[in-house]
Amino acid sequence: MASDSKKSLHGVCCLLMASLFALSTCFQFNDPDWYFWIPLYSSACIVNLVKWGEPNSSSRIRKLGKFGLWLGLFLFIKVAVEDLIYGGTTGFWSLDMRERVMREKFGSGLVVTSMFLVLENSSISKNHPSHLTKYGMPILVGIAYGLSFLFFASQHHEMRY
């Protein structure tokens, strides 16, 4: 069963998201509030790696997924409030990835969405999966890698911190 999950679309998507979260964890070591972001990205990386390797994993991984979900929600709200209080330069729906606030909203949103999909996928019956559990993770991978690629391919200005 584990080898089937590694070859399945959901398994490949979990591996891709785990690699993105591992890379994001490495980028946080020079961040002033690294103590929030390293646990967020590393927990998301671990959950996705375990779900890739063993989809019927233990309740500890489910608890770690819930931790990542709640920490991601907290950080998303923190960054959104920070943006409103200290200037609101990017706006809520902005995609200007040069702004620190936008990158943090995007990252925490990816973790929240990924943890929600992983937790939803582990609690749904395998006989009757919903469209959300079947196609949610591939869509998330497309958005995450697509926006990241567009940002790095088209970014010609300095990033703002």
N, C-alpha and C. Protein backbone atom coordinates (compact mmCIF):
# COMPACT_ATOMS: atom_id res chain seq x y z
N MET A 1 0.82 -1.20 0.00
CA MET A 1 0.00 0.00 0.00
C MET A 1 0.86 1.25 0.00
N ALA A 2 1.97 1.24 0.73
CA ALA A 2 2.81 2.43 0.80
C ALA A 2 3.43 2.74 -0.55
N SER A 3 3.81 1.70 -1.31
CA SER A 3 4.40 1.97 -2.63
C SER A 3 3.36 2.52 -3.59
N ASP A 4 2.07 2.11 -3.42
CA ASP A 4 1.01 2.67 -4.25
C ASP A 4 0.82 4.16 -3.97
N SER A 5 0.95 4.56 -2.70
CA SER A 5 0.76 5.97 -2.36
C SER A 5 1.88 6.82 -2.91
N LYS A 6 3.08 6.25 -3.01
CA LYS A 6 4.21 7.01 -3.54
C LYS A 6 4.05 7.28 -5.03
N LYS A 7 3.30 6.41 -5.71
CA LYS A 7 3.10 6.57 -7.15
C LYS A 7 1.81 7.32 -7.47
N SER A 8 0.91 7.44 -6.51
CA SER A 8 -0.37 8.10 -6.78
C SER A 8 -0.18 9.61 -6.93
N LEU A 9 -1.17 10.23 -7.53
CA LEU A 9 -1.12 11.67 -7.74
C LEU A 9 -1.06 12.40 -6.40
N HIS A 10 -1.86 11.96 -5.45
CA HIS A 10 -1.85 12.60 -4.13
C HIS A 10 -0.49 12.42 -3.45
N GLY A 11 0.11 11.25 -3.59
CA GLY A 11 1.42 11.01 -3.00
C GLY A 11 2.50 11.89 -3.59
N VAL A 12 2.48 12.04 -4.91
CA VAL A 12 3.46 12.91 -5.57
C VAL A 12 3.25 14.36 -5.14
N CYS A 13 2.00 14.77 -5.01
CA CYS A 13 1.71 16.13 -4.57
C CYS A 13 2.18 16.36 -3.14
N CYS A 14 2.01 15.37 -2.28
CA CYS A 14 2.52 15.49 -0.91
C CYS A 14 4.04 15.63 -0.91
N LEU A 15 4.71 14.88 -1.76
CA LEU A 15 6.17 14.99 -1.85
C LEU A 15 6.59 16.36 -2.36
N LEU A 16 5.89 16.88 -3.36
CA LEU A 16 6.22 18.21 -3.89
C LEU A 16 5.97 19.31 -2.85
N MET A 17 4.88 19.21 -2.12
CA MET A 17 4.62 20.20 -1.08
C MET A 17 5.63 20.08 0.06
N ALA A 18 6.02 18.85 0.40
CA ALA A 18 7.04 18.67 1.44
C ALA A 18 8.35 19.31 1.03
N SER A 19 8.73 19.17 -0.23
CA SER A 19 9.99 19.78 -0.68
C SER A 19 9.88 21.31 -0.67
N LEU A 20 8.73 21.85 -1.03
CA LEU A 20 8.55 23.30 -0.98
C LEU A 20 8.61 23.81 0.46
N PHE A 21 8.00 23.08 1.39
CA PHE A 21 8.03 23.49 2.79
C PHE A 21 9.43 23.32 3.39
N ALA A 22 10.17 22.32 2.95
CA ALA A 22 11.55 22.16 3.43
C ALA A 22 12.41 23.33 2.97
N LEU A 23 12.25 23.74 1.73
CA LEU A 23 12.98 24.89 1.21
C LEU A 23 12.57 26.16 1.96
N SER A 24 11.29 26.31 2.22
CA SER A 24 10.81 27.48 2.96
C SER A 24 11.36 27.51 4.38
N THR A 25 11.50 26.33 5.00
CA THR A 25 12.10 26.26 6.32
C THR A 25 13.52 26.80 6.30
N CYS A 26 14.28 26.42 5.29
CA CYS A 26 15.67 26.88 5.18
C CYS A 26 15.75 28.39 5.01
N PHE A 27 14.80 28.99 4.31
CA PHE A 27 14.82 30.44 4.10
C PHE A 27 14.50 31.22 5.37
N GLN A 28 13.95 30.57 6.39
CA GLN A 28 13.52 31.28 7.59
C GLN A 28 14.64 31.51 8.60
N PHE A 29 15.80 30.95 8.39
CA PHE A 29 16.86 31.06 9.39
C PHE A 29 17.38 32.49 9.54
N ASN A 30 17.17 33.36 8.57
CA ASN A 30 17.60 34.74 8.71
C ASN A 30 16.43 35.68 8.99
N ASP A 31 15.28 35.13 9.30
CA ASP A 31 14.08 35.91 9.58
C ASP A 31 14.09 36.36 11.05
N PRO A 32 13.67 37.60 11.34
CA PRO A 32 13.65 38.05 12.74
C PRO A 32 12.69 37.25 13.62
N ASP A 33 11.58 36.77 13.07
CA ASP A 33 10.66 35.95 13.87
C ASP A 33 10.67 34.50 13.39
N TRP A 34 11.85 33.96 13.29
CA TRP A 34 12.06 32.59 12.83
C TRP A 34 11.37 31.58 13.73
N TYR A 35 11.22 31.89 15.01
CA TYR A 35 10.64 30.96 15.98
C TYR A 35 9.18 30.65 15.69
N PHE A 36 8.52 31.47 14.87
CA PHE A 36 7.17 31.15 14.40
C PHE A 36 7.20 30.34 13.12
N TRP A 37 8.04 30.75 12.18
CA TRP A 37 7.98 30.23 10.82
C TRP A 37 8.68 28.89 10.66
N ILE A 38 9.76 28.64 11.38
CA ILE A 38 10.44 27.34 11.26
C ILE A 38 9.55 26.20 11.75
N PRO A 39 8.89 26.32 12.92
CA PRO A 39 7.96 25.24 13.30
C PRO A 39 6.80 25.06 12.32
N LEU A 40 6.33 26.17 11.76
CA LEU A 40 5.21 26.08 10.81
C LEU A 40 5.61 25.28 9.58
N TYR A 41 6.69 25.69 8.93
CA TYR A 41 7.09 25.02 7.69
C TYR A 41 7.64 23.62 7.94
N SER A 42 8.35 23.42 9.04
CA SER A 42 8.89 22.08 9.29
C SER A 42 7.78 21.09 9.64
N SER A 43 6.76 21.54 10.38
CA SER A 43 5.65 20.62 10.68
C SER A 43 4.90 20.27 9.40
N ALA A 44 4.70 21.24 8.52
CA ALA A 44 4.03 20.96 7.24
C ALA A 44 4.87 20.02 6.38
N CYS A 45 6.18 20.20 6.40
CA CYS A 45 7.07 19.32 5.65
C CYS A 45 6.99 17.89 6.17
N ILE A 46 7.05 17.73 7.48
CA ILE A 46 7.02 16.39 8.08
C ILE A 46 5.69 15.69 7.79
N VAL A 47 4.59 16.41 7.96
CA VAL A 47 3.27 15.81 7.71
C VAL A 47 3.15 15.36 6.26
N ASN A 48 3.56 16.20 5.32
CA ASN A 48 3.46 15.83 3.91
C ASN A 48 4.40 14.69 3.56
N LEU A 49 5.60 14.66 4.14
CA LEU A 49 6.51 13.54 3.88
C LEU A 49 5.96 12.23 4.41
N VAL A 50 5.41 12.27 5.61
CA VAL A 50 4.85 11.04 6.18
C VAL A 50 3.63 10.59 5.39
N LYS A 51 2.79 11.53 4.96
CA LYS A 51 1.62 11.16 4.16
C LYS A 51 2.02 10.61 2.80
N TRP A 52 3.16 11.05 2.28
CA TRP A 52 3.67 10.49 1.03
C TRP A 52 4.14 9.05 1.26
N GLY A 53 4.87 8.83 2.34
CA GLY A 53 5.44 7.51 2.60
C GLY A 53 4.44 6.51 3.13
N GLU A 54 3.61 6.95 4.03
CA GLU A 54 2.64 6.05 4.67
C GLU A 54 1.33 6.80 4.86
N PRO A 55 0.39 6.66 3.93
CA PRO A 55 -0.85 7.45 4.01
C PRO A 55 -1.72 7.12 5.21
N ASN A 56 -1.61 5.92 5.76
CA ASN A 56 -2.40 5.54 6.93
C ASN A 56 -1.56 5.71 8.19
N SER A 57 -1.04 6.90 8.39
CA SER A 57 -0.11 7.14 9.49
C SER A 57 -0.84 7.32 10.81
N SER A 58 -0.06 7.45 11.86
CA SER A 58 -0.59 7.45 13.22
C SER A 58 -1.30 8.75 13.58
N SER A 59 -1.87 8.72 14.77
CA SER A 59 -2.57 9.91 15.26
C SER A 59 -1.59 11.03 15.62
N ARG A 60 -0.32 10.69 15.84
CA ARG A 60 0.68 11.74 16.12
C ARG A 60 0.85 12.66 14.91
N ILE A 61 0.86 12.08 13.73
CA ILE A 61 0.99 12.90 12.52
C ILE A 61 -0.27 13.74 12.33
N ARG A 62 -1.41 13.17 12.66
CA ARG A 62 -2.66 13.94 12.58
C ARG A 62 -2.62 15.12 13.56
N LYS A 63 -2.08 14.89 14.75
CA LYS A 63 -1.95 15.98 15.73
C LYS A 63 -0.96 17.03 15.24
N LEU A 64 0.13 16.60 14.63
CA LEU A 64 1.10 17.54 14.08
C LEU A 64 0.48 18.33 12.93
N GLY A 65 -0.37 17.68 12.14
CA GLY A 65 -1.09 18.38 11.08
C GLY A 65 -2.04 19.44 11.64
N LYS A 66 -2.73 19.10 12.73
CA LYS A 66 -3.62 20.08 13.37
C LYS A 66 -2.81 21.24 13.95
N PHE A 67 -1.65 20.93 14.52
CA PHE A 67 -0.76 21.97 15.02
C PHE A 67 -0.35 22.92 13.89
N GLY A 68 0.05 22.36 12.77
CA GLY A 68 0.44 23.17 11.61
C GLY A 68 -0.72 24.01 11.10
N LEU A 69 -1.91 23.43 11.09
CA LEU A 69 -3.10 24.15 10.64
C LEU A 69 -3.38 25.35 11.55
N TRP A 70 -3.38 25.13 12.85
CA TRP A 70 -3.69 26.22 13.79
C TRP A 70 -2.58 27.26 13.84
N LEU A 71 -1.33 26.83 13.79
CA LEU A 71 -0.23 27.79 13.76
C LEU A 71 -0.27 28.61 12.48
N GLY A 72 -0.59 27.97 11.37
CA GLY A 72 -0.71 28.68 10.10
C GLY A 72 -1.84 29.70 10.13
N LEU A 73 -2.98 29.33 10.70
CA LEU A 73 -4.09 30.28 10.83
C LEU A 73 -3.70 31.46 11.71
N PHE A 74 -3.03 31.17 12.82
CA PHE A 74 -2.57 32.23 13.71
C PHE A 74 -1.63 33.18 12.99
N LEU A 75 -0.66 32.64 12.26
CA LEU A 75 0.31 33.49 11.57
C LEU A 75 -0.32 34.25 10.41
N PHE A 76 -1.28 33.64 9.73
CA PHE A 76 -1.98 34.35 8.66
C PHE A 76 -2.72 35.55 9.22
N ILE A 77 -3.43 35.35 10.32
CA ILE A 77 -4.17 36.45 10.95
C ILE A 77 -3.19 37.49 11.48
N LYS A 78 -2.10 37.05 12.10
CA LYS A 78 -1.07 37.97 12.62
C LYS A 78 -0.53 38.86 11.51
N VAL A 79 -0.20 38.28 10.38
CA VAL A 79 0.38 39.04 9.27
C VAL A 79 -0.67 39.97 8.65
N ALA A 80 -1.91 39.51 8.54
CA ALA A 80 -2.97 40.35 7.97
C ALA A 80 -3.24 41.56 8.87
N VAL A 81 -3.27 41.34 10.18
CA VAL A 81 -3.48 42.45 11.12
C VAL A 81 -2.28 43.39 11.09
N GLU A 82 -1.09 42.83 11.05
CA GLU A 82 0.13 43.63 10.95
C GLU A 82 0.08 44.52 9.71
N ASP A 83 -0.39 43.98 8.62
CA ASP A 83 -0.50 44.75 7.37
C ASP A 83 -1.50 45.89 7.52
N LEU A 84 -2.62 45.63 8.18
CA LEU A 84 -3.63 46.68 8.38
C LEU A 84 -3.14 47.77 9.32
N ILE A 85 -2.47 47.38 10.40
CA ILE A 85 -2.04 48.35 11.41
C ILE A 85 -0.88 49.20 10.92
N TYR A 86 0.11 48.57 10.31
CA TYR A 86 1.34 49.27 9.95
C TYR A 86 1.40 49.70 8.50
N GLY A 87 0.31 50.13 7.95
CA GLY A 87 0.41 50.75 6.64
C GLY A 87 -0.47 50.17 5.57
N GLY A 88 -0.68 48.88 5.55
CA GLY A 88 -1.52 48.29 4.52
C GLY A 88 -0.99 48.53 3.12
N THR A 89 0.29 48.33 2.91
CA THR A 89 0.90 48.64 1.62
C THR A 89 0.52 47.65 0.53
N THR A 90 0.23 46.41 0.89
CA THR A 90 0.00 45.41 -0.15
C THR A 90 -1.47 45.17 -0.44
N GLY A 91 -2.32 45.36 0.53
CA GLY A 91 -3.72 45.02 0.33
C GLY A 91 -3.92 43.52 0.53
N PHE A 92 -5.14 43.13 0.84
CA PHE A 92 -5.39 41.73 1.19
C PHE A 92 -5.21 40.80 0.01
N TRP A 93 -5.65 41.19 -1.18
CA TRP A 93 -5.62 40.30 -2.33
C TRP A 93 -4.43 40.56 -3.25
N SER A 94 -3.49 41.35 -2.82
CA SER A 94 -2.33 41.66 -3.65
C SER A 94 -1.49 40.41 -3.92
N LEU A 95 -0.86 40.36 -5.06
CA LEU A 95 0.07 39.27 -5.38
C LEU A 95 1.49 39.80 -5.58
N ASP A 96 1.79 40.96 -4.99
CA ASP A 96 3.12 41.54 -5.09
C ASP A 96 4.04 40.80 -4.13
N MET A 97 4.72 39.79 -4.63
CA MET A 97 5.54 38.93 -3.78
C MET A 97 6.84 39.59 -3.34
N ARG A 98 7.10 40.81 -3.79
CA ARG A 98 8.28 41.52 -3.30
C ARG A 98 8.07 41.96 -1.86
N GLU A 99 6.83 42.10 -1.44
CA GLU A 99 6.51 42.54 -0.08
C GLU A 99 6.61 41.37 0.89
N ARG A 100 7.26 41.61 2.02
CA ARG A 100 7.40 40.59 3.06
C ARG A 100 6.04 40.11 3.53
N VAL A 101 5.12 41.03 3.73
CA VAL A 101 3.79 40.69 4.23
C VAL A 101 3.08 39.73 3.27
N MET A 102 3.20 40.00 2.00
CA MET A 102 2.54 39.13 1.01
C MET A 102 3.17 37.75 0.99
N ARG A 103 4.49 37.67 1.07
CA ARG A 103 5.15 36.36 1.08
C ARG A 103 4.75 35.56 2.32
N GLU A 104 4.63 36.25 3.46
CA GLU A 104 4.23 35.55 4.68
C GLU A 104 2.77 35.11 4.63
N LYS A 105 1.90 35.93 4.05
CA LYS A 105 0.50 35.51 3.89
C LYS A 105 0.40 34.32 2.95
N PHE A 106 1.14 34.37 1.87
CA PHE A 106 1.14 33.28 0.89
C PHE A 106 1.65 31.98 1.53
N GLY A 107 2.75 32.06 2.27
CA GLY A 107 3.32 30.87 2.90
C GLY A 107 2.41 30.28 3.95
N SER A 108 1.85 31.12 4.81
CA SER A 108 0.96 30.58 5.84
C SER A 108 -0.33 30.06 5.22
N GLY A 109 -0.79 30.70 4.16
CA GLY A 109 -1.98 30.20 3.46
C GLY A 109 -1.74 28.85 2.81
N LEU A 110 -0.54 28.66 2.26
CA LEU A 110 -0.20 27.35 1.68
C LEU A 110 -0.19 26.26 2.75
N VAL A 111 0.39 26.58 3.90
CA VAL A 111 0.44 25.58 4.98
C VAL A 111 -0.97 25.25 5.46
N VAL A 112 -1.78 26.26 5.67
CA VAL A 112 -3.15 26.03 6.14
C VAL A 112 -3.92 25.17 5.14
N THR A 113 -3.82 25.50 3.87
CA THR A 113 -4.54 24.74 2.85
C THR A 113 -4.02 23.32 2.75
N SER A 114 -2.70 23.16 2.79
CA SER A 114 -2.11 21.83 2.71
C SER A 114 -2.51 20.96 3.90
N MET A 115 -2.44 21.53 5.10
CA MET A 115 -2.79 20.75 6.29
C MET A 115 -4.28 20.41 6.28
N PHE A 116 -5.12 21.34 5.83
CA PHE A 116 -6.55 21.05 5.73
C PHE A 116 -6.79 19.89 4.77
N LEU A 117 -6.15 19.93 3.61
CA LEU A 117 -6.35 18.87 2.61
C LEU A 117 -5.81 17.53 3.10
N VAL A 118 -4.66 17.53 3.76
CA VAL A 118 -4.10 16.28 4.28
C VAL A 118 -5.01 15.71 5.36
N LEU A 119 -5.48 16.56 6.28
CA LEU A 119 -6.36 16.09 7.34
C LEU A 119 -7.70 15.63 6.77
N GLU A 120 -8.22 16.35 5.81
CA GLU A 120 -9.48 15.96 5.17
C GLU A 120 -9.33 14.64 4.43
N ASN A 121 -8.22 14.47 3.75
CA ASN A 121 -7.98 13.24 2.99
C ASN A 121 -7.82 12.04 3.91
N SER A 122 -7.26 12.24 5.09
CA SER A 122 -7.08 11.11 6.00
C SER A 122 -8.36 10.75 6.74
N SER A 123 -9.34 11.66 6.77
CA SER A 123 -10.57 11.35 7.50
C SER A 123 -11.70 10.90 6.58
N ILE A 124 -11.55 11.07 5.28
CA ILE A 124 -12.61 10.71 4.32
C ILE A 124 -12.48 9.23 3.94
N SER A 125 -13.61 8.61 3.71
CA SER A 125 -13.63 7.23 3.25
C SER A 125 -12.95 7.12 1.89
N LYS A 126 -12.11 6.12 1.73
CA LYS A 126 -11.40 5.92 0.46
C LYS A 126 -12.34 5.43 -0.65
N ASN A 127 -13.50 4.88 -0.28
CA ASN A 127 -14.44 4.39 -1.28
C ASN A 127 -15.17 5.51 -2.00
N HIS A 128 -15.44 6.60 -1.29
CA HIS A 128 -16.20 7.71 -1.87
C HIS A 128 -15.48 9.03 -1.60
N PRO A 129 -14.32 9.24 -2.22
CA PRO A 129 -13.62 10.51 -1.98
C PRO A 129 -14.34 11.67 -2.67
N SER A 130 -14.32 12.81 -2.02
CA SER A 130 -14.95 13.99 -2.62
C SER A 130 -14.01 14.61 -3.66
N HIS A 131 -14.54 15.53 -4.43
CA HIS A 131 -13.72 16.22 -5.43
C HIS A 131 -12.62 17.03 -4.75
N LEU A 132 -12.93 17.55 -3.56
CA LEU A 132 -11.94 18.33 -2.82
C LEU A 132 -10.74 17.47 -2.45
N THR A 133 -10.98 16.26 -1.99
CA THR A 133 -9.87 15.41 -1.60
C THR A 133 -9.14 14.82 -2.81
N LYS A 134 -9.84 14.65 -3.92
CA LYS A 134 -9.18 14.11 -5.12
C LYS A 134 -8.34 15.15 -5.84
N TYR A 135 -8.87 16.36 -5.97
CA TYR A 135 -8.22 17.36 -6.81
C TYR A 135 -7.65 18.55 -6.05
N GLY A 136 -7.88 18.61 -4.75
CA GLY A 136 -7.42 19.76 -3.97
C GLY A 136 -5.91 19.88 -3.92
N MET A 137 -5.22 18.78 -3.64
CA MET A 137 -3.77 18.83 -3.52
C MET A 137 -3.09 19.11 -4.87
N PRO A 138 -3.51 18.49 -5.98
CA PRO A 138 -2.89 18.87 -7.26
C PRO A 138 -3.10 20.33 -7.63
N ILE A 139 -4.27 20.87 -7.32
CA ILE A 139 -4.52 22.29 -7.59
C ILE A 139 -3.62 23.15 -6.71
N LEU A 140 -3.47 22.77 -5.45
CA LEU A 140 -2.59 23.52 -4.54
C LEU A 140 -1.14 23.49 -5.02
N VAL A 141 -0.67 22.34 -5.48
CA VAL A 141 0.69 22.25 -6.01
C VAL A 141 0.84 23.15 -7.23
N GLY A 142 -0.15 23.14 -8.11
CA GLY A 142 -0.10 24.00 -9.29
C GLY A 142 -0.03 25.48 -8.92
N ILE A 143 -0.83 25.88 -7.95
CA ILE A 143 -0.83 27.28 -7.51
C ILE A 143 0.50 27.63 -6.84
N ALA A 144 0.95 26.77 -5.92
CA ALA A 144 2.18 27.06 -5.17
C ALA A 144 3.39 27.15 -6.08
N TYR A 145 3.57 26.15 -6.92
CA TYR A 145 4.74 26.16 -7.81
C TYR A 145 4.56 27.17 -8.94
N GLY A 146 3.33 27.35 -9.42
CA GLY A 146 3.09 28.31 -10.50
C GLY A 146 3.37 29.74 -10.07
N LEU A 147 2.82 30.15 -8.92
CA LEU A 147 3.07 31.51 -8.45
C LEU A 147 4.53 31.72 -8.06
N SER A 148 5.15 30.70 -7.47
CA SER A 148 6.57 30.82 -7.12
C SER A 148 7.42 30.97 -8.38
N PHE A 149 7.12 30.18 -9.40
CA PHE A 149 7.88 30.29 -10.64
C PHE A 149 7.66 31.65 -11.30
N LEU A 150 6.41 32.10 -11.36
CA LEU A 150 6.14 33.41 -11.95
C LEU A 150 6.85 34.53 -11.20
N PHE A 151 6.88 34.42 -9.88
CA PHE A 151 7.54 35.45 -9.09
C PHE A 151 9.04 35.48 -9.39
N PHE A 152 9.69 34.33 -9.33
CA PHE A 152 11.13 34.31 -9.54
C PHE A 152 11.52 34.55 -10.99
N ALA A 153 10.65 34.21 -11.93
CA ALA A 153 10.96 34.44 -13.35
C ALA A 153 10.75 35.90 -13.74
N SER A 154 9.79 36.56 -13.11
CA SER A 154 9.48 37.92 -13.53
C SER A 154 9.95 38.98 -12.55
N GLN A 155 10.52 38.59 -11.43
CA GLN A 155 10.93 39.54 -10.40
C GLN A 155 12.25 40.19 -10.80
N HIS A 156 12.20 41.50 -11.06
CA HIS A 156 13.40 42.23 -11.47
C HIS A 156 13.74 43.35 -10.50
N HIS A 157 12.95 43.53 -9.47
CA HIS A 157 13.19 44.59 -8.49
C HIS A 157 13.65 43.96 -7.19
N GLU A 158 14.15 44.79 -6.29
CA GLU A 158 14.58 44.29 -4.99
C GLU A 158 13.36 43.91 -4.16
N MET A 159 13.55 42.88 -3.34
CA MET A 159 12.48 42.48 -2.44
C MET A 159 12.48 43.44 -1.26
N ARG A 160 11.29 43.68 -0.72
CA ARG A 160 11.14 44.59 0.41
C ARG A 160 10.95 43.77 1.68
N TYR A 161 11.66 44.18 2.72
CA TYR A 161 11.56 43.49 4.00
C TYR A 161 10.94 44.42 4.97
